[in-house]
Structure formats: C-alpha cells, structure tokens
Amino acid sequence: MENNDAPVECNDDRTVCVTSVKGLKDNWQRWSNEHQEYQKHNPFSNDRGAMVSVTAQQQRLQRDQAGYGKPLEGSLTEQRGQDAHVHISREVEELCQVIRDIGESRGGGDGGSEKRPMVTVEFGKLFEHYVNISNKVVGILLRARKQGLVSFEGEMLWQGQDDQVLITLLQ
C-alpha cells in the first residue's frame, strides 16, 4: 500500500496539487498563517487589536511621517494608483483640448507685455460637446482647476443651472 499523504508537485509555481486530506489541511493551514500575518499589517483589518505584535505596532506610521496614507512601494495598490493618475491626467488634457477646439478666443490674458488670447467656453456648450465622458465632465473640470489649467466661478457646476458660467483655459 502506498502513502498518499504527501502533496504532489505540479507545474504551477504558486500551487501544490493535493491528493490527500492531510495535504489539503496542510495547504489550508499554510494559507491561513500567511493571511493572518498579512492582516497584522493591514490597516483595514477588523481583527488588528488581538493579532498585532509589538513590532507591528511600532511600524504603524503617524500622520506626520513620510509614507503615511500611501500604499506599500511596489504593491498592486500603488500600481493601480499610478495607472489611475495617468488616466485622469489624459482626461484633463483631453478636456483642455476640447475647450481649445470649441471655445472662443478673447483679448489678452494677464495684462502683461505679452497679450496672449484667452480661450473661454460656456459650461453648457462644453457639456454638450464633451460627449466622450460627459457624465464626469464636472469632476474633470474640478481636477483641471486644482491643477491651475482652467478657471470658473463657483464651487460646483450644475447642468442647466450653470450653463452660462464661463470656463477659462489658463494654459
């Protein structure tokens, strides 16, 4: 009679094919231990109090420390954040191009020696023309204003109510 308690190795680097109940149990226990260790460092874990070791408590960052509120370097979370930043930046650039294309040039900008024309467009017209992501146009406008690329009055723009509000392209 042969011993089937030992796991059988498979081609996949991350998994072990299991042919016995003992192998399944050992595999599950290994995963459980790794997950408990991971949860000790997870700020969103509900079970942090009992499981957190003294060294993990010392590793917690305070608000004034570098890295506070940021994902671990090299993590998938960090990569997703970088990808989202690139995507939003592309949408802001696209919005500025749409404003250039449909907006009207007005006289000199800042009153300096260089009289650079400013491009303005009414919010209603922009909302109608920016059909690609019109459901997010206000959010993209707010981001562009935060970056100093556009200017408009008010905290929020509402379709219909603020259709005559002028949006000025600053750069």
N, C-alpha and C. Protein backbone atom coordinates (compact mmCIF):
# COMPACT_ATOMS: atom_id res chain seq x y z
N MET A 1 0.84 -1.18 0.00
CA MET A 1 0.00 0.00 0.00
C MET A 1 0.89 1.24 0.00
N GLU A 2 0.59 2.22 -0.88
CA GLU A 2 1.44 3.41 -0.98
C GLU A 2 0.91 4.53 -0.10
N ASN A 3 1.80 5.45 0.27
CA ASN A 3 1.47 6.56 1.15
C ASN A 3 1.02 7.75 0.29
N ASN A 4 -0.24 8.19 0.40
CA ASN A 4 -0.77 9.30 -0.39
C ASN A 4 -0.87 10.58 0.43
N ASP A 5 -0.18 10.66 1.56
CA ASP A 5 -0.26 11.86 2.40
C ASP A 5 0.58 13.01 1.87
N ALA A 6 1.57 12.73 1.08
CA ALA A 6 2.46 13.79 0.59
C ALA A 6 1.82 14.50 -0.60
N PRO A 7 1.92 15.85 -0.65
CA PRO A 7 1.39 16.57 -1.79
C PRO A 7 2.20 16.26 -3.05
N VAL A 8 1.55 16.31 -4.17
CA VAL A 8 2.20 16.07 -5.46
C VAL A 8 2.49 17.41 -6.10
N GLU A 9 3.72 17.65 -6.50
CA GLU A 9 4.11 18.92 -7.12
C GLU A 9 3.50 19.03 -8.51
N CYS A 10 3.04 20.22 -8.87
CA CYS A 10 2.50 20.49 -10.20
C CYS A 10 3.39 21.50 -10.90
N ASN A 11 3.08 21.83 -12.13
CA ASN A 11 3.88 22.77 -12.92
C ASN A 11 3.70 24.21 -12.46
N ASP A 12 2.56 24.55 -11.91
CA ASP A 12 2.29 25.91 -11.47
C ASP A 12 3.15 26.23 -10.25
N ASP A 13 3.87 27.38 -10.28
CA ASP A 13 4.78 27.74 -9.19
C ASP A 13 4.03 28.12 -7.91
N ARG A 14 2.79 28.56 -8.02
CA ARG A 14 2.08 29.08 -6.85
C ARG A 14 1.25 28.04 -6.13
N THR A 15 0.96 26.93 -6.74
CA THR A 15 0.07 25.96 -6.11
C THR A 15 0.72 24.60 -6.00
N VAL A 16 0.22 23.83 -5.10
CA VAL A 16 0.65 22.45 -4.94
C VAL A 16 -0.60 21.59 -5.11
N CYS A 17 -0.52 20.62 -6.01
CA CYS A 17 -1.65 19.71 -6.19
C CYS A 17 -1.70 18.79 -4.97
N VAL A 18 -2.86 18.63 -4.41
CA VAL A 18 -3.00 17.85 -3.19
C VAL A 18 -3.81 16.61 -3.52
N THR A 19 -3.31 15.47 -3.04
CA THR A 19 -4.02 14.22 -3.32
C THR A 19 -4.56 13.58 -2.06
N SER A 20 -4.44 14.25 -0.91
CA SER A 20 -4.95 13.65 0.32
C SER A 20 -5.59 14.71 1.20
N VAL A 21 -6.35 14.25 2.16
CA VAL A 21 -6.99 15.16 3.11
C VAL A 21 -5.93 15.85 3.96
N LYS A 22 -4.89 15.13 4.35
CA LYS A 22 -3.81 15.74 5.14
C LYS A 22 -3.12 16.84 4.33
N GLY A 23 -2.92 16.59 3.05
CA GLY A 23 -2.31 17.60 2.20
C GLY A 23 -3.20 18.83 2.07
N LEU A 24 -4.50 18.62 1.93
CA LEU A 24 -5.43 19.75 1.88
C LEU A 24 -5.38 20.55 3.17
N LYS A 25 -5.36 19.84 4.31
CA LYS A 25 -5.32 20.50 5.61
C LYS A 25 -4.04 21.32 5.76
N ASP A 26 -2.90 20.74 5.40
CA ASP A 26 -1.62 21.44 5.50
C ASP A 26 -1.60 22.67 4.59
N ASN A 27 -2.13 22.52 3.39
CA ASN A 27 -2.17 23.64 2.45
C ASN A 27 -3.04 24.77 3.00
N TRP A 28 -4.20 24.42 3.54
CA TRP A 28 -5.10 25.42 4.13
C TRP A 28 -4.45 26.10 5.33
N GLN A 29 -3.78 25.34 6.18
CA GLN A 29 -3.14 25.91 7.37
C GLN A 29 -2.04 26.88 6.96
N ARG A 30 -1.26 26.54 5.94
CA ARG A 30 -0.20 27.43 5.45
C ARG A 30 -0.81 28.74 4.95
N TRP A 31 -1.89 28.63 4.16
CA TRP A 31 -2.55 29.84 3.66
C TRP A 31 -3.09 30.67 4.82
N SER A 32 -3.69 30.01 5.80
CA SER A 32 -4.24 30.71 6.95
C SER A 32 -3.16 31.47 7.72
N ASN A 33 -2.03 30.85 7.95
CA ASN A 33 -0.92 31.51 8.65
C ASN A 33 -0.41 32.72 7.87
N GLU A 34 -0.26 32.57 6.56
CA GLU A 34 0.20 33.70 5.73
C GLU A 34 -0.82 34.84 5.77
N HIS A 35 -2.10 34.49 5.71
CA HIS A 35 -3.14 35.52 5.73
C HIS A 35 -3.18 36.24 7.08
N GLN A 36 -3.02 35.51 8.17
CA GLN A 36 -3.00 36.15 9.49
C GLN A 36 -1.83 37.11 9.59
N GLU A 37 -0.69 36.73 9.08
CA GLU A 37 0.48 37.61 9.10
C GLU A 37 0.23 38.86 8.26
N TYR A 38 -0.38 38.68 7.11
CA TYR A 38 -0.72 39.82 6.25
C TYR A 38 -1.69 40.76 6.96
N GLN A 39 -2.70 40.21 7.63
CA GLN A 39 -3.70 41.03 8.30
C GLN A 39 -3.11 41.85 9.45
N LYS A 40 -2.00 41.41 10.01
CA LYS A 40 -1.35 42.19 11.08
C LYS A 40 -0.90 43.55 10.57
N HIS A 41 -0.64 43.64 9.29
CA HIS A 41 -0.15 44.89 8.71
C HIS A 41 -1.20 45.59 7.87
N ASN A 42 -2.40 45.06 7.82
CA ASN A 42 -3.48 45.62 7.02
C ASN A 42 -4.24 46.65 7.85
N PRO A 43 -4.20 47.93 7.45
CA PRO A 43 -4.87 48.96 8.25
C PRO A 43 -6.39 48.84 8.23
N PHE A 44 -6.95 48.06 7.31
CA PHE A 44 -8.39 47.93 7.21
C PHE A 44 -8.91 46.64 7.85
N SER A 45 -8.04 45.89 8.48
CA SER A 45 -8.45 44.65 9.11
C SER A 45 -9.26 44.93 10.37
N ASN A 46 -10.33 44.17 10.57
CA ASN A 46 -11.16 44.34 11.76
C ASN A 46 -10.55 43.68 12.99
N ASP A 47 -9.63 42.78 12.79
CA ASP A 47 -9.10 41.97 13.88
C ASP A 47 -7.67 42.37 14.23
N ARG A 48 -7.34 43.63 14.10
CA ARG A 48 -5.96 44.08 14.33
C ARG A 48 -5.57 44.01 15.80
N GLY A 49 -6.49 44.35 16.71
CA GLY A 49 -6.14 44.50 18.11
C GLY A 49 -5.49 43.29 18.73
N ALA A 50 -6.08 42.12 18.58
CA ALA A 50 -5.57 40.92 19.23
C ALA A 50 -4.35 40.36 18.51
N MET A 51 -4.24 40.58 17.22
CA MET A 51 -3.21 39.92 16.44
C MET A 51 -1.94 40.76 16.27
N VAL A 52 -2.02 42.06 16.48
CA VAL A 52 -0.90 42.93 16.17
C VAL A 52 0.22 42.73 17.18
N SER A 53 1.39 42.46 16.68
CA SER A 53 2.54 42.29 17.56
C SER A 53 3.12 43.65 17.93
N VAL A 54 4.04 43.65 18.88
CA VAL A 54 4.67 44.89 19.32
C VAL A 54 5.44 45.54 18.17
N THR A 55 6.14 44.73 17.39
CA THR A 55 6.91 45.30 16.27
C THR A 55 5.99 45.89 15.23
N ALA A 56 4.84 45.26 14.98
CA ALA A 56 3.89 45.81 14.02
C ALA A 56 3.32 47.13 14.53
N GLN A 57 3.09 47.23 15.86
CA GLN A 57 2.59 48.48 16.41
C GLN A 57 3.62 49.58 16.24
N GLN A 58 4.89 49.24 16.38
CA GLN A 58 5.95 50.23 16.21
C GLN A 58 6.07 50.66 14.77
N GLN A 59 5.69 49.78 13.83
CA GLN A 59 5.81 50.10 12.41
C GLN A 59 4.68 50.97 11.91
N ARG A 60 3.60 51.12 12.67
CA ARG A 60 2.49 51.97 12.22
C ARG A 60 2.99 53.39 12.04
N LEU A 61 2.59 53.98 10.93
CA LEU A 61 3.01 55.34 10.64
C LEU A 61 2.04 56.33 11.26
N GLN A 62 2.57 57.44 11.71
CA GLN A 62 1.76 58.53 12.22
C GLN A 62 1.54 59.54 11.10
N ARG A 63 0.59 60.43 11.28
CA ARG A 63 0.22 61.38 10.22
C ARG A 63 1.39 62.22 9.73
N ASP A 64 2.32 62.56 10.59
CA ASP A 64 3.41 63.44 10.18
C ASP A 64 4.60 62.68 9.58
N GLN A 65 4.52 61.37 9.50
CA GLN A 65 5.63 60.59 8.96
C GLN A 65 5.50 60.42 7.46
N ALA A 66 6.65 60.32 6.81
CA ALA A 66 6.67 60.08 5.36
C ALA A 66 6.06 58.72 5.07
N GLY A 67 5.27 58.63 4.03
CA GLY A 67 4.66 57.37 3.65
C GLY A 67 3.30 57.13 4.26
N TYR A 68 2.85 58.01 5.17
CA TYR A 68 1.54 57.85 5.80
C TYR A 68 0.45 58.03 4.74
N GLY A 69 -0.51 57.14 4.68
CA GLY A 69 -1.62 57.26 3.74
C GLY A 69 -1.26 56.85 2.33
N LYS A 70 -0.12 56.24 2.14
CA LYS A 70 0.31 55.81 0.81
C LYS A 70 0.47 54.29 0.81
N PRO A 71 0.22 53.68 -0.33
CA PRO A 71 0.36 52.21 -0.39
C PRO A 71 1.82 51.79 -0.32
N LEU A 72 2.03 50.53 0.02
CA LEU A 72 3.39 50.00 0.07
C LEU A 72 4.05 50.09 -1.30
N GLU A 73 5.32 50.45 -1.31
CA GLU A 73 6.05 50.55 -2.58
C GLU A 73 6.07 49.20 -3.28
N GLY A 74 5.79 49.22 -4.58
CA GLY A 74 5.83 48.00 -5.36
C GLY A 74 4.56 47.17 -5.29
N SER A 75 3.56 47.61 -4.51
CA SER A 75 2.34 46.83 -4.37
C SER A 75 1.41 47.07 -5.57
N LEU A 76 0.45 46.18 -5.72
CA LEU A 76 -0.55 46.35 -6.78
C LEU A 76 -1.38 47.60 -6.54
N THR A 77 -1.62 47.94 -5.29
CA THR A 77 -2.37 49.15 -4.97
C THR A 77 -1.64 50.38 -5.47
N GLU A 78 -0.32 50.42 -5.26
CA GLU A 78 0.47 51.55 -5.75
C GLU A 78 0.39 51.61 -7.28
N GLN A 79 0.49 50.48 -7.94
CA GLN A 79 0.43 50.45 -9.41
C GLN A 79 -0.92 50.92 -9.92
N ARG A 80 -2.01 50.48 -9.26
CA ARG A 80 -3.34 50.93 -9.68
C ARG A 80 -3.49 52.43 -9.50
N GLY A 81 -2.94 52.97 -8.42
CA GLY A 81 -2.98 54.41 -8.19
C GLY A 81 -2.23 55.18 -9.26
N GLN A 82 -1.07 54.68 -9.65
CA GLN A 82 -0.29 55.32 -10.71
C GLN A 82 -1.04 55.26 -12.04
N ASP A 83 -1.63 54.10 -12.32
CA ASP A 83 -2.40 53.96 -13.57
C ASP A 83 -3.59 54.92 -13.59
N ALA A 84 -4.28 55.06 -12.45
CA ALA A 84 -5.41 55.97 -12.36
C ALA A 84 -4.96 57.41 -12.56
N HIS A 85 -3.81 57.77 -11.99
CA HIS A 85 -3.29 59.13 -12.15
C HIS A 85 -3.00 59.43 -13.62
N VAL A 86 -2.40 58.48 -14.31
CA VAL A 86 -2.10 58.66 -15.74
C VAL A 86 -3.41 58.81 -16.53
N HIS A 87 -4.40 57.98 -16.20
CA HIS A 87 -5.68 58.02 -16.91
C HIS A 87 -6.37 59.38 -16.71
N ILE A 88 -6.42 59.85 -15.47
CA ILE A 88 -7.07 61.13 -15.17
C ILE A 88 -6.32 62.28 -15.84
N SER A 89 -4.98 62.22 -15.84
CA SER A 89 -4.19 63.27 -16.49
C SER A 89 -4.51 63.32 -17.97
N ARG A 90 -4.68 62.16 -18.59
CA ARG A 90 -5.04 62.10 -20.01
C ARG A 90 -6.41 62.74 -20.24
N GLU A 91 -7.36 62.47 -19.34
CA GLU A 91 -8.70 63.05 -19.48
C GLU A 91 -8.67 64.56 -19.29
N VAL A 92 -7.84 65.06 -18.39
CA VAL A 92 -7.71 66.50 -18.19
C VAL A 92 -7.13 67.14 -19.45
N GLU A 93 -6.11 66.52 -20.03
CA GLU A 93 -5.54 67.04 -21.28
C GLU A 93 -6.58 67.05 -22.39
N GLU A 94 -7.38 65.99 -22.47
CA GLU A 94 -8.43 65.91 -23.49
C GLU A 94 -9.45 67.02 -23.28
N LEU A 95 -9.83 67.27 -22.04
CA LEU A 95 -10.77 68.34 -21.74
C LEU A 95 -10.23 69.69 -22.18
N CYS A 96 -8.96 69.96 -21.88
CA CYS A 96 -8.35 71.23 -22.29
C CYS A 96 -8.34 71.37 -23.81
N GLN A 97 -8.10 70.28 -24.52
CA GLN A 97 -8.11 70.31 -25.98
C GLN A 97 -9.51 70.60 -26.51
N VAL A 98 -10.53 70.00 -25.89
CA VAL A 98 -11.91 70.27 -26.30
C VAL A 98 -12.24 71.74 -26.07
N ILE A 99 -11.80 72.31 -24.96
CA ILE A 99 -12.04 73.74 -24.69
C ILE A 99 -11.36 74.58 -25.76
N ARG A 100 -10.11 74.24 -26.13
CA ARG A 100 -9.41 74.97 -27.20
C ARG A 100 -10.19 74.89 -28.51
N ASP A 101 -10.71 73.70 -28.81
CA ASP A 101 -11.39 73.48 -30.09
C ASP A 101 -12.72 74.21 -30.18
N ILE A 102 -13.53 74.19 -29.13
CA ILE A 102 -14.88 74.77 -29.22
C ILE A 102 -14.98 76.15 -28.58
N GLY A 103 -13.95 76.57 -27.85
CA GLY A 103 -14.01 77.84 -27.14
C GLY A 103 -13.76 79.02 -28.07
N GLU A 104 -13.98 80.21 -27.52
CA GLU A 104 -13.76 81.46 -28.24
C GLU A 104 -12.55 82.16 -27.66
N SER A 105 -11.71 82.71 -28.56
CA SER A 105 -10.56 83.48 -28.11
C SER A 105 -11.02 84.85 -27.67
N ARG A 106 -10.53 85.26 -26.54
CA ARG A 106 -10.84 86.60 -26.00
C ARG A 106 -9.53 87.38 -25.97
N GLY A 107 -9.61 88.66 -25.68
CA GLY A 107 -8.45 89.54 -25.64
C GLY A 107 -7.34 89.04 -24.75
N GLY A 108 -6.30 89.85 -24.55
CA GLY A 108 -5.12 89.49 -23.77
C GLY A 108 -5.47 88.97 -22.39
N GLY A 109 -4.62 88.12 -21.87
CA GLY A 109 -4.89 87.44 -20.61
C GLY A 109 -4.57 88.26 -19.39
N ASP A 110 -3.30 88.32 -19.02
CA ASP A 110 -2.94 88.86 -17.71
C ASP A 110 -2.60 90.33 -17.73
N GLY A 111 -2.67 91.01 -18.86
CA GLY A 111 -2.38 92.43 -18.90
C GLY A 111 -0.91 92.74 -18.97
N GLY A 112 -0.05 91.74 -19.09
CA GLY A 112 1.39 91.95 -19.19
C GLY A 112 1.77 92.38 -20.59
N SER A 113 3.07 92.38 -20.88
CA SER A 113 3.53 92.80 -22.19
C SER A 113 3.09 91.82 -23.28
N GLU A 114 3.02 90.54 -22.92
CA GLU A 114 2.54 89.55 -23.87
C GLU A 114 1.03 89.45 -23.75
N LYS A 115 0.33 89.86 -24.79
CA LYS A 115 -1.13 89.80 -24.79
C LYS A 115 -1.55 88.47 -25.40
N ARG A 116 -1.53 87.45 -24.58
CA ARG A 116 -1.92 86.13 -25.05
C ARG A 116 -3.44 86.00 -24.97
N PRO A 117 -4.07 85.61 -26.07
CA PRO A 117 -5.53 85.48 -26.01
C PRO A 117 -5.93 84.34 -25.08
N MET A 118 -7.05 84.53 -24.40
CA MET A 118 -7.58 83.51 -23.51
C MET A 118 -8.74 82.82 -24.20
N VAL A 119 -8.86 81.56 -23.98
CA VAL A 119 -9.95 80.78 -24.58
C VAL A 119 -10.99 80.53 -23.50
N THR A 120 -12.25 80.86 -23.83
CA THR A 120 -13.34 80.64 -22.88
C THR A 120 -14.46 79.87 -23.57
N VAL A 121 -15.23 79.18 -22.78
CA VAL A 121 -16.39 78.46 -23.28
C VAL A 121 -17.43 78.41 -22.17
N GLU A 122 -18.69 78.45 -22.54
CA GLU A 122 -19.75 78.32 -21.55
C GLU A 122 -19.88 76.86 -21.14
N PHE A 123 -20.21 76.65 -19.88
CA PHE A 123 -20.31 75.30 -19.35
C PHE A 123 -21.32 74.46 -20.12
N GLY A 124 -22.47 75.03 -20.47
CA GLY A 124 -23.49 74.29 -21.20
C GLY A 124 -22.98 73.79 -22.54
N LYS A 125 -22.27 74.65 -23.25
CA LYS A 125 -21.72 74.26 -24.55
C LYS A 125 -20.67 73.16 -24.38
N LEU A 126 -19.83 73.31 -23.37
CA LEU A 126 -18.80 72.29 -23.11
C LEU A 126 -19.46 70.97 -22.75
N PHE A 127 -20.50 71.02 -21.93
CA PHE A 127 -21.17 69.79 -21.50
C PHE A 127 -21.77 69.06 -22.70
N GLU A 128 -22.35 69.81 -23.64
CA GLU A 128 -22.94 69.19 -24.84
C GLU A 128 -21.88 68.59 -25.75
N HIS A 129 -20.74 69.27 -25.91
CA HIS A 129 -19.71 68.81 -26.85
C HIS A 129 -18.81 67.74 -26.27
N TYR A 130 -18.71 67.68 -25.00
CA TYR A 130 -17.79 66.74 -24.37
C TYR A 130 -18.51 65.44 -24.09
N VAL A 131 -18.99 64.80 -25.14
CA VAL A 131 -19.83 63.61 -25.01
C VAL A 131 -19.04 62.37 -24.63
N ASN A 132 -17.74 62.37 -24.85
CA ASN A 132 -16.94 61.18 -24.57
C ASN A 132 -17.09 60.73 -23.13
N ILE A 133 -16.99 61.66 -22.19
CA ILE A 133 -17.16 61.34 -20.77
C ILE A 133 -17.97 62.43 -20.09
N SER A 134 -19.06 62.83 -20.71
CA SER A 134 -19.83 63.96 -20.20
C SER A 134 -20.37 63.71 -18.79
N ASN A 135 -20.56 62.46 -18.41
CA ASN A 135 -21.04 62.23 -17.06
C ASN A 135 -19.99 62.54 -16.01
N LYS A 136 -18.73 62.72 -16.43
CA LYS A 136 -17.66 63.04 -15.49
C LYS A 136 -17.06 64.42 -15.75
N VAL A 137 -17.67 65.19 -16.64
CA VAL A 137 -17.05 66.46 -17.05
C VAL A 137 -16.83 67.40 -15.87
N VAL A 138 -17.74 67.45 -14.92
CA VAL A 138 -17.57 68.35 -13.77
C VAL A 138 -16.39 67.91 -12.92
N GLY A 139 -16.26 66.62 -12.68
CA GLY A 139 -15.12 66.12 -11.91
C GLY A 139 -13.80 66.41 -12.58
N ILE A 140 -13.76 66.25 -13.90
CA ILE A 140 -12.53 66.54 -14.64
C ILE A 140 -12.25 68.04 -14.62
N LEU A 141 -13.30 68.87 -14.71
CA LEU A 141 -13.12 70.32 -14.60
C LEU A 141 -12.56 70.71 -13.24
N LEU A 142 -13.08 70.09 -12.18
CA LEU A 142 -12.58 70.39 -10.84
C LEU A 142 -11.11 70.00 -10.71
N ARG A 143 -10.74 68.87 -11.28
CA ARG A 143 -9.33 68.43 -11.25
C ARG A 143 -8.47 69.40 -12.04
N ALA A 144 -8.94 69.83 -13.22
CA ALA A 144 -8.18 70.77 -14.05
C ALA A 144 -8.02 72.11 -13.33
N ARG A 145 -9.06 72.54 -12.59
CA ARG A 145 -8.95 73.79 -11.84
C ARG A 145 -7.94 73.64 -10.71
N LYS A 146 -7.94 72.50 -10.05
CA LYS A 146 -6.99 72.24 -8.97
C LYS A 146 -5.55 72.28 -9.50
N GLN A 147 -5.36 71.84 -10.74
CA GLN A 147 -4.03 71.85 -11.36
C GLN A 147 -3.69 73.21 -11.97
N GLY A 148 -4.61 74.18 -11.90
CA GLY A 148 -4.35 75.52 -12.42
C GLY A 148 -4.46 75.62 -13.93
N LEU A 149 -5.22 74.72 -14.55
CA LEU A 149 -5.35 74.73 -16.01
C LEU A 149 -6.59 75.49 -16.48
N VAL A 150 -7.64 75.52 -15.67
CA VAL A 150 -8.86 76.24 -16.03
C VAL A 150 -9.32 77.05 -14.83
N SER A 151 -10.23 77.98 -15.11
CA SER A 151 -10.79 78.81 -14.06
C SER A 151 -12.28 78.98 -14.32
N PHE A 152 -13.09 78.96 -13.27
CA PHE A 152 -14.51 79.26 -13.37
C PHE A 152 -15.01 79.64 -11.99
N GLU A 153 -16.14 80.33 -11.96
CA GLU A 153 -16.69 80.79 -10.69
C GLU A 153 -17.55 79.70 -10.06
N GLY A 154 -17.56 79.68 -8.75
CA GLY A 154 -18.38 78.74 -8.01
C GLY A 154 -17.60 77.49 -7.63
N GLU A 155 -18.17 76.77 -6.68
CA GLU A 155 -17.55 75.53 -6.21
C GLU A 155 -17.90 74.35 -7.10
N MET A 156 -19.14 74.32 -7.59
CA MET A 156 -19.65 73.19 -8.36
C MET A 156 -20.43 73.74 -9.53
N LEU A 157 -20.46 73.01 -10.63
CA LEU A 157 -21.25 73.39 -11.80
C LEU A 157 -22.37 72.37 -11.99
N TRP A 158 -23.57 72.89 -12.24
CA TRP A 158 -24.73 72.02 -12.43
C TRP A 158 -25.28 72.23 -13.82
N GLN A 159 -25.59 71.13 -14.50
CA GLN A 159 -26.16 71.21 -15.85
C GLN A 159 -27.50 71.91 -15.77
N GLY A 160 -27.72 72.83 -16.71
CA GLY A 160 -28.96 73.60 -16.75
C GLY A 160 -28.84 74.86 -15.93
N GLN A 161 -28.55 74.75 -14.68
CA GLN A 161 -28.45 75.90 -13.78
C GLN A 161 -27.24 76.77 -14.10
N ASP A 162 -26.10 76.17 -14.41
CA ASP A 162 -24.86 76.91 -14.63
C ASP A 162 -24.40 76.88 -16.09
N ASP A 163 -25.33 76.73 -17.03
CA ASP A 163 -24.95 76.64 -18.44
C ASP A 163 -24.24 77.88 -18.96
N GLN A 164 -24.50 79.07 -18.36
CA GLN A 164 -23.87 80.32 -18.84
C GLN A 164 -22.55 80.63 -18.13
N VAL A 165 -22.13 79.84 -17.18
CA VAL A 165 -20.87 80.08 -16.48
C VAL A 165 -19.71 79.92 -17.45
N LEU A 166 -18.82 80.92 -17.50
CA LEU A 166 -17.68 80.86 -18.39
C LEU A 166 -16.54 80.07 -17.78
N ILE A 167 -16.00 79.19 -18.56
CA ILE A 167 -14.82 78.41 -18.18
C ILE A 167 -13.68 78.95 -19.01
N THR A 168 -12.59 79.37 -18.33
CA THR A 168 -11.46 79.97 -19.00
C THR A 168 -10.27 79.01 -18.95
N LEU A 169 -9.69 78.77 -20.11
CA LEU A 169 -8.50 77.94 -20.21
C LEU A 169 -7.31 78.83 -19.86
N LEU A 170 -6.55 78.47 -18.84
CA LEU A 170 -5.44 79.30 -18.37
C LEU A 170 -4.13 78.98 -19.06
N GLN A 171 -3.96 77.79 -19.54
CA GLN A 171 -2.70 77.41 -20.18
C GLN A 171 -2.96 76.74 -21.50
